[in-house]
Amino acid sequence: MATSSAPGKVYLFGEHAVVYGEPAVPCAIERRATVTVDERADERLRVRAQDLSLEGFTVEYDGSTEGTPEVDVTEDLVAAAMGYVDEAIAQARDAADAPNAGFDVHVESSIPLGAGLGSSAAVVVATIDAATRALGVELDREEIADRAYQVEHTVQDGQASRADTFCSTMGGAVLVEGDNCERITAPDLPFVVGYDGGAGDTGALVSGVRSLRETYPFAADTVESIGDLVEQGIDALEAEDTAELGRLMNFNHGLLAALGVSARSLDAMVWAARDAGAAGAKLTGAGGGGCIVALDETDATETALKYSPACAEAFRAELDTKGVCREQ
């Protein structure tokens, strides 16, 4: 048996634009997915998931399911979640040269599913690390990150970037530009997260931005503007200038809204945070629903979000510097 955990993330800047080679800065946060893997005597895969914004479910199968678990999210989201586990196990089998290995997989997570906090990346990273170790193979972080990216690339029909999986594997703040990923120095920023209780359809949102970008030159310019903004954001990070970071986050949210990936609930939480005195606030992740991230050293933003009708949950999140961890 082996147990591994990996963190979720928020984007300071750059989501969606990163798909087109523009830079982005995701930051790992101390909300983690924990995966325990036991090797089985047969070739079957049994998955038990808890706390993924779901009632929890157990599925036993050999590559596909005939029925859908009783859960409180859409069937598409459940199918995607199972697809990530399937592909992560496939990567572990390949790494260990054990194509017929069967597993019992237990997933627990404090990261809402499909909410823009990198739940899939965290589950994938933790699953690959735990499953390979259960088979007696130790992967270095670079290989874990690369294999985790291959999982998301497959499940997301080639529209994934390396940002989420690299950040979850390495921890800390990460600069991603195309296939180039590196950790960068960042202060322990005062993150506050607001969650509307829902989830966006990442594939549809990414496709929508792609369509806009191909149809309207000014939409392509908007994507490039997000990249330009990230460059200034890196300078602000190096200077530990929280006020400037907040201003740039506000601009980034406006650009993402112009690309059609915000939502009424996300906008309401962003404005609740700004009205409470946050240095800046923006959606994080693909959008369409899910989470916003704000910067506020005081309790005012968290309190304001908790009283906002658009917000189902608000919490403070510390920067995670550990990345994937081997728990057992």
Protein backbone atom coordinates (compact mmCIF):
# COMPACT_ATOMS: atom_id res chain seq x y z
CA MET A 1 0.00 0.00 0.00
CA ALA A 2 1.15 3.56 -0.75
CA THR A 3 -0.41 6.93 0.04
CA SER A 4 0.48 10.25 -1.61
CA SER A 5 -1.02 13.72 -1.50
CA ALA A 6 -0.76 16.73 -3.80
CA PRO A 7 -1.99 20.33 -3.54
CA GLY A 8 -4.54 22.29 -5.49
CA LYS A 9 -3.77 25.71 -6.94
CA VAL A 10 -5.01 29.17 -7.73
CA TYR A 11 -4.00 31.29 -10.70
CA LEU A 12 -2.57 34.69 -9.94
CA PHE A 13 -2.63 35.38 -13.67
CA GLY A 14 -2.79 33.76 -17.07
CA GLU A 15 -5.48 31.08 -17.27
CA HIS A 16 -6.83 30.44 -20.79
CA ALA A 17 -4.01 32.48 -22.36
CA VAL A 18 -1.53 29.81 -21.21
CA VAL A 19 -3.15 27.39 -23.70
CA TYR A 20 -1.73 29.58 -26.51
CA GLY A 21 1.82 29.75 -25.18
CA GLU A 22 1.38 32.93 -23.14
CA PRO A 23 2.93 32.91 -19.64
CA ALA A 24 0.89 32.11 -16.54
CA VAL A 25 1.55 32.05 -12.79
CA PRO A 26 -0.31 29.39 -10.82
CA CYS A 27 0.39 29.01 -7.10
CA ALA A 28 -0.06 25.80 -5.11
CA ILE A 29 -2.30 26.14 -2.05
CA GLU A 30 -2.73 24.10 1.10
CA ARG A 31 -5.82 22.22 -0.01
CA ARG A 32 -4.83 18.68 -0.89
CA ALA A 33 -6.01 15.49 -2.56
CA THR A 34 -4.85 12.29 -0.88
CA VAL A 35 -4.77 8.99 -2.76
CA THR A 36 -4.15 5.55 -1.26
CA VAL A 37 -3.40 2.67 -3.63
CA ASP A 38 -3.34 -1.07 -2.88
CA GLU A 39 -2.27 -3.54 -5.54
CA ARG A 40 -4.88 -6.23 -6.22
CA ALA A 41 -4.42 -9.90 -7.10
CA ASP A 42 -6.48 -9.44 -10.28
CA GLU A 43 -6.51 -6.86 -13.11
CA ARG A 44 -9.53 -4.91 -11.91
CA LEU A 45 -9.64 -1.31 -10.75
CA ARG A 46 -11.81 -0.33 -7.77
CA VAL A 47 -12.13 3.39 -7.07
CA ARG A 48 -13.65 4.91 -3.94
CA ALA A 49 -13.91 8.71 -3.93
CA GLN A 50 -14.81 10.99 -1.04
CA ASP A 51 -15.21 14.73 -0.53
CA LEU A 52 -14.92 15.70 -4.22
CA SER A 53 -17.97 17.94 -3.81
CA LEU A 54 -19.84 14.64 -4.06
CA GLU A 55 -21.78 12.33 -1.77
CA GLY A 56 -18.95 9.87 -2.33
CA PHE A 57 -19.01 6.81 -4.55
CA THR A 58 -17.37 3.45 -5.22
CA VAL A 59 -16.90 1.97 -8.68
CA GLU A 60 -15.35 -1.39 -9.51
CA TYR A 61 -14.55 -2.01 -13.16
CA ASP A 62 -11.92 -2.91 -15.72
CA GLY A 63 -11.65 0.25 -17.76
CA SER A 64 -15.24 1.45 -18.03
CA THR A 65 -18.46 1.62 -16.03
CA GLU A 66 -21.92 0.43 -17.01
CA GLY A 67 -23.72 2.69 -14.55
CA THR A 68 -23.29 6.17 -13.13
CA PRO A 69 -22.71 6.68 -9.40
CA GLU A 70 -25.35 8.58 -7.42
CA VAL A 71 -23.61 11.92 -6.89
CA ASP A 72 -24.55 15.58 -6.72
CA VAL A 73 -22.75 16.80 -9.84
CA THR A 74 -23.32 16.23 -13.56
CA GLU A 75 -22.64 12.90 -15.23
CA ASP A 76 -20.08 14.60 -17.47
CA LEU A 77 -18.10 15.75 -14.43
CA VAL A 78 -18.17 12.27 -12.89
CA ALA A 79 -17.07 10.75 -16.21
CA ALA A 80 -14.21 13.23 -16.41
CA ALA A 81 -13.14 12.48 -12.82
CA MET A 82 -13.06 8.75 -13.55
CA GLY A 83 -11.20 9.42 -16.80
CA TYR A 84 -8.41 11.16 -14.88
CA VAL A 85 -8.05 8.19 -12.53
CA ASP A 86 -8.08 5.73 -15.45
CA GLU A 87 -5.35 7.59 -17.32
CA ALA A 88 -3.26 8.11 -14.16
CA ILE A 89 -3.35 4.36 -13.50
CA ALA A 90 -2.40 3.73 -17.13
CA GLN A 91 0.64 5.98 -16.69
CA ALA A 92 1.62 4.17 -13.48
CA ARG A 93 1.32 0.78 -15.18
CA ASP A 94 3.48 2.03 -18.04
CA ALA A 95 6.13 3.49 -15.71
CA ALA A 96 6.34 0.21 -13.77
CA ASP A 97 6.08 -2.00 -16.89
CA ALA A 98 3.09 -3.71 -15.26
CA PRO A 99 0.29 -3.47 -17.85
CA ASN A 100 -2.00 -5.91 -16.03
CA ALA A 101 -1.70 -4.57 -12.49
CA GLY A 102 -4.99 -4.10 -10.65
CA PHE A 103 -5.60 -1.60 -7.88
CA ASP A 104 -7.89 -0.50 -5.10
CA VAL A 105 -7.78 3.32 -5.20
CA HIS A 106 -9.15 5.51 -2.40
CA VAL A 107 -9.37 9.24 -3.14
CA GLU A 108 -10.03 11.88 -0.49
CA SER A 109 -9.89 15.57 -1.32
CA SER A 110 -10.54 18.95 0.25
CA ILE A 111 -10.44 20.53 -3.24
CA PRO A 112 -13.87 21.13 -4.84
CA LEU A 113 -14.30 19.21 -8.08
CA GLY A 114 -14.31 21.27 -11.27
CA ALA A 115 -14.15 24.57 -9.38
CA GLY A 116 -10.90 25.99 -10.77
CA LEU A 117 -8.63 24.89 -7.92
CA GLY A 118 -6.83 22.12 -9.78
CA SER A 119 -8.63 19.13 -8.25
CA SER A 120 -8.01 16.90 -11.26
CA ALA A 121 -4.30 17.73 -11.39
CA ALA A 122 -3.89 17.04 -7.68
CA VAL A 123 -5.68 13.67 -7.94
CA VAL A 124 -3.66 12.70 -11.01
CA VAL A 125 -0.31 13.64 -9.47
CA ALA A 126 -1.06 11.86 -6.19
CA THR A 127 -2.41 8.77 -8.01
CA ILE A 128 0.63 8.39 -10.25
CA ASP A 129 3.03 8.73 -7.32
CA ALA A 130 1.10 6.33 -5.06
CA ALA A 131 0.41 3.71 -7.75
CA THR A 132 4.00 3.56 -9.00
CA ARG A 133 5.30 3.26 -5.45
CA ALA A 134 2.76 0.50 -4.75
CA LEU A 135 4.43 -1.34 -7.66
CA GLY A 136 7.90 -0.72 -6.23
CA VAL A 137 8.91 2.11 -8.59
CA GLU A 138 10.13 5.54 -7.45
CA LEU A 139 9.64 8.37 -9.96
CA ASP A 140 11.37 11.73 -9.69
CA ARG A 141 9.21 14.85 -9.64
CA GLU A 142 10.00 15.78 -13.23
CA GLU A 143 8.67 12.46 -14.51
CA ILE A 144 5.60 12.63 -12.27
CA ALA A 145 4.83 16.10 -13.64
CA ASP A 146 5.32 14.99 -17.24
CA ARG A 147 3.19 11.87 -16.88
CA ALA A 148 0.48 13.86 -15.10
CA TYR A 149 0.45 16.34 -17.97
CA GLN A 150 0.04 13.46 -20.43
CA VAL A 151 -3.04 12.38 -18.46
CA GLU A 152 -4.67 15.82 -18.65
CA HIS A 153 -3.68 16.20 -22.30
CA THR A 154 -5.48 12.95 -23.11
CA VAL A 155 -8.59 13.56 -21.00
CA GLN A 156 -8.93 17.16 -22.19
CA ASP A 157 -8.57 16.23 -25.87
CA GLY A 158 -5.23 17.93 -26.32
CA GLN A 159 -6.30 21.27 -24.82
CA ALA A 160 -4.39 21.03 -21.51
CA SER A 161 -1.36 23.04 -20.47
CA ARG A 162 1.41 21.89 -18.15
CA ALA A 163 0.53 24.55 -15.58
CA ASP A 164 -1.74 22.68 -13.16
CA THR A 165 0.13 19.39 -13.04
CA PHE A 166 3.58 21.00 -12.77
CA CYS A 167 2.37 23.31 -9.99
CA SER A 168 0.75 20.46 -8.07
CA THR A 169 3.88 18.32 -8.36
CA MET A 170 6.42 20.99 -7.45
CA GLY A 171 4.48 23.27 -5.11
CA GLY A 172 5.08 26.98 -4.64
CA ALA A 173 4.60 29.63 -7.32
CA VAL A 174 5.28 28.51 -10.88
CA LEU A 175 5.95 30.32 -14.14
CA VAL A 176 4.60 28.40 -17.12
CA GLU A 177 5.20 29.44 -20.73
CA GLY A 178 4.49 26.81 -23.36
CA ASP A 179 6.34 23.65 -22.37
CA ASN A 180 8.74 25.58 -20.14
CA CYS A 181 7.93 25.40 -16.43
CA GLU A 182 9.91 26.63 -13.46
CA ARG A 183 9.36 27.48 -9.83
CA ILE A 184 9.74 31.16 -9.01
CA THR A 185 10.22 32.99 -5.75
CA ALA A 186 7.04 34.35 -4.20
CA PRO A 187 6.07 35.68 -0.79
CA ASP A 188 3.41 33.89 1.27
CA LEU A 189 0.56 35.80 -0.33
CA PRO A 190 -2.67 36.41 1.65
CA PHE A 191 -5.00 34.30 -0.51
CA VAL A 192 -8.72 34.25 0.20
CA VAL A 193 -10.86 31.90 -1.89
CA GLY A 194 -14.58 32.19 -2.54
CA TYR A 195 -16.48 29.19 -3.91
CA ASP A 196 -19.96 29.45 -5.41
CA GLY A 197 -20.71 25.75 -4.93
CA GLY A 198 -20.77 25.02 -8.65
CA ALA A 199 -18.43 24.07 -11.44
CA GLY A 200 -17.67 25.18 -14.97
CA ASP A 201 -17.32 23.00 -18.06
CA THR A 202 -13.61 23.39 -18.75
CA GLY A 203 -13.72 21.85 -22.22
CA ALA A 204 -16.61 24.04 -23.37
CA LEU A 205 -15.03 27.18 -21.91
CA VAL A 206 -11.65 26.50 -23.55
CA SER A 207 -13.39 25.79 -26.85
CA GLY A 208 -15.39 29.01 -26.54
CA VAL A 209 -12.24 31.09 -26.10
CA ARG A 210 -10.64 29.30 -29.04
CA SER A 211 -13.65 30.12 -31.23
CA LEU A 212 -13.59 33.79 -30.21
CA ARG A 213 -9.86 34.01 -30.80
CA GLU A 214 -10.20 32.51 -34.29
CA THR A 215 -13.18 34.71 -35.20
CA TYR A 216 -12.26 38.13 -33.82
CA PRO A 217 -8.78 39.69 -34.02
CA PHE A 218 -9.50 41.74 -30.89
CA ALA A 219 -10.16 38.51 -28.95
CA ALA A 220 -6.72 37.28 -29.99
CA ASP A 221 -5.34 40.64 -28.82
CA THR A 222 -7.09 40.12 -25.47
CA VAL A 223 -5.33 36.79 -25.03
CA GLU A 224 -1.99 38.45 -25.81
CA SER A 225 -2.80 41.25 -23.36
CA ILE A 226 -3.18 38.67 -20.61
CA GLY A 227 0.34 37.48 -21.44
CA ASP A 228 1.68 41.04 -21.28
CA LEU A 229 -0.01 41.48 -17.90
CA VAL A 230 1.70 38.35 -16.56
CA GLU A 231 5.12 39.80 -17.37
CA GLN A 232 4.35 42.82 -15.18
CA GLY A 233 2.94 40.51 -12.52
CA ILE A 234 6.24 38.66 -12.25
CA ASP A 235 8.00 41.96 -11.56
CA ALA A 236 5.44 42.72 -8.84
CA LEU A 237 5.98 39.28 -7.31
CA GLU A 238 9.73 39.81 -7.18
CA ALA A 239 9.17 43.18 -5.52
CA GLU A 240 6.59 41.63 -3.11
CA ASP A 241 4.26 44.47 -4.15
CA THR A 242 0.86 43.16 -3.07
CA ALA A 243 -0.94 46.34 -4.14
CA GLU A 244 0.36 46.07 -7.70
CA LEU A 245 -0.40 42.35 -7.79
CA GLY A 246 -3.97 43.15 -6.81
CA ARG A 247 -4.37 45.80 -9.51
CA LEU A 248 -3.11 43.38 -12.14
CA MET A 249 -5.45 40.65 -10.86
CA ASN A 250 -8.35 43.07 -11.33
CA PHE A 251 -7.26 43.74 -14.92
CA ASN A 252 -6.89 40.02 -15.54
CA HIS A 253 -10.44 39.36 -14.37
CA GLY A 254 -11.76 42.02 -16.71
CA LEU A 255 -9.94 40.49 -19.67
CA LEU A 256 -11.24 37.01 -18.81
CA ALA A 257 -14.77 38.39 -18.51
CA ALA A 258 -14.37 39.93 -21.96
CA LEU A 259 -13.53 36.45 -23.25
CA GLY A 260 -16.83 35.19 -21.86
CA VAL A 261 -15.52 32.86 -19.15
CA SER A 262 -16.78 34.63 -16.03
CA ALA A 263 -20.23 34.12 -14.50
CA ARG A 264 -22.69 36.18 -12.50
CA SER A 265 -21.72 34.37 -9.28
CA LEU A 266 -18.00 34.88 -9.92
CA ASP A 267 -18.46 38.58 -10.70
CA ALA A 268 -20.55 39.01 -7.54
CA MET A 269 -17.85 37.43 -5.38
CA VAL A 270 -15.12 39.48 -7.07
CA TRP A 271 -16.98 42.71 -6.31
CA ALA A 272 -17.77 41.62 -2.75
CA ALA A 273 -14.05 41.07 -2.20
CA ARG A 274 -13.06 44.41 -3.74
CA ASP A 275 -15.73 46.27 -1.78
CA ALA A 276 -14.35 44.71 1.40
CA GLY A 277 -10.92 46.14 0.67
CA ALA A 278 -9.11 43.28 -1.08
CA ALA A 279 -6.03 44.40 -2.98
CA GLY A 280 -7.41 42.51 -5.99
CA ALA A 281 -9.76 39.69 -6.93
CA LYS A 282 -10.36 37.55 -9.99
CA LEU A 283 -11.80 34.23 -11.08
CA THR A 284 -9.37 31.34 -10.96
CA GLY A 285 -9.29 28.43 -13.37
CA ALA A 286 -11.46 27.91 -16.43
CA GLY A 287 -14.37 29.98 -15.06
CA GLY A 288 -18.06 29.57 -15.75
CA GLY A 289 -18.61 28.93 -12.04
CA GLY A 290 -16.45 27.71 -9.20
CA CYS A 291 -13.92 29.91 -7.41
CA ILE A 292 -12.43 33.36 -7.18
CA VAL A 293 -9.18 34.29 -5.47
CA ALA A 294 -8.52 37.56 -3.65
CA LEU A 295 -5.59 39.12 -1.80
CA ASP A 296 -6.38 40.46 1.67
CA GLU A 297 -4.26 40.32 4.82
CA THR A 298 -7.30 41.15 6.98
CA ASP A 299 -10.42 39.08 7.70
CA ALA A 300 -12.66 41.55 5.86
CA THR A 301 -12.78 39.77 2.49
CA GLU A 302 -13.41 36.34 3.97
CA THR A 303 -16.21 37.78 6.10
CA ALA A 304 -17.75 39.66 3.18
CA LEU A 305 -17.69 36.55 1.00
CA LYS A 306 -19.36 34.46 3.70
CA TYR A 307 -22.24 36.94 3.74
CA SER A 308 -22.48 37.15 -0.06
CA PRO A 309 -25.46 35.24 -1.54
CA ALA A 310 -23.24 34.17 -4.43
CA CYS A 311 -20.73 32.43 -2.14
CA ALA A 312 -21.26 28.93 -0.72
CA GLU A 313 -17.90 28.76 1.05
CA ALA A 314 -15.01 31.10 1.77
CA PHE A 315 -11.63 30.22 3.22
CA ARG A 316 -8.09 31.47 3.60
CA ALA A 317 -5.46 29.46 1.73
CA GLU A 318 -1.75 29.43 2.45
CA LEU A 319 0.86 28.98 -0.25
CA ASP A 320 1.92 25.32 -0.40
CA THR A 321 5.66 24.88 -0.89
CA LYS A 322 5.86 21.07 -0.64
CA GLY A 323 4.10 19.83 -3.77
CA VAL A 324 3.48 16.10 -3.99
CA CYS A 325 4.13 14.34 -0.67
CA ARG A 326 4.56 10.68 0.18
CA GLU A 327 2.36 10.08 3.20
CA GLN A 328 2.94 6.34 3.51
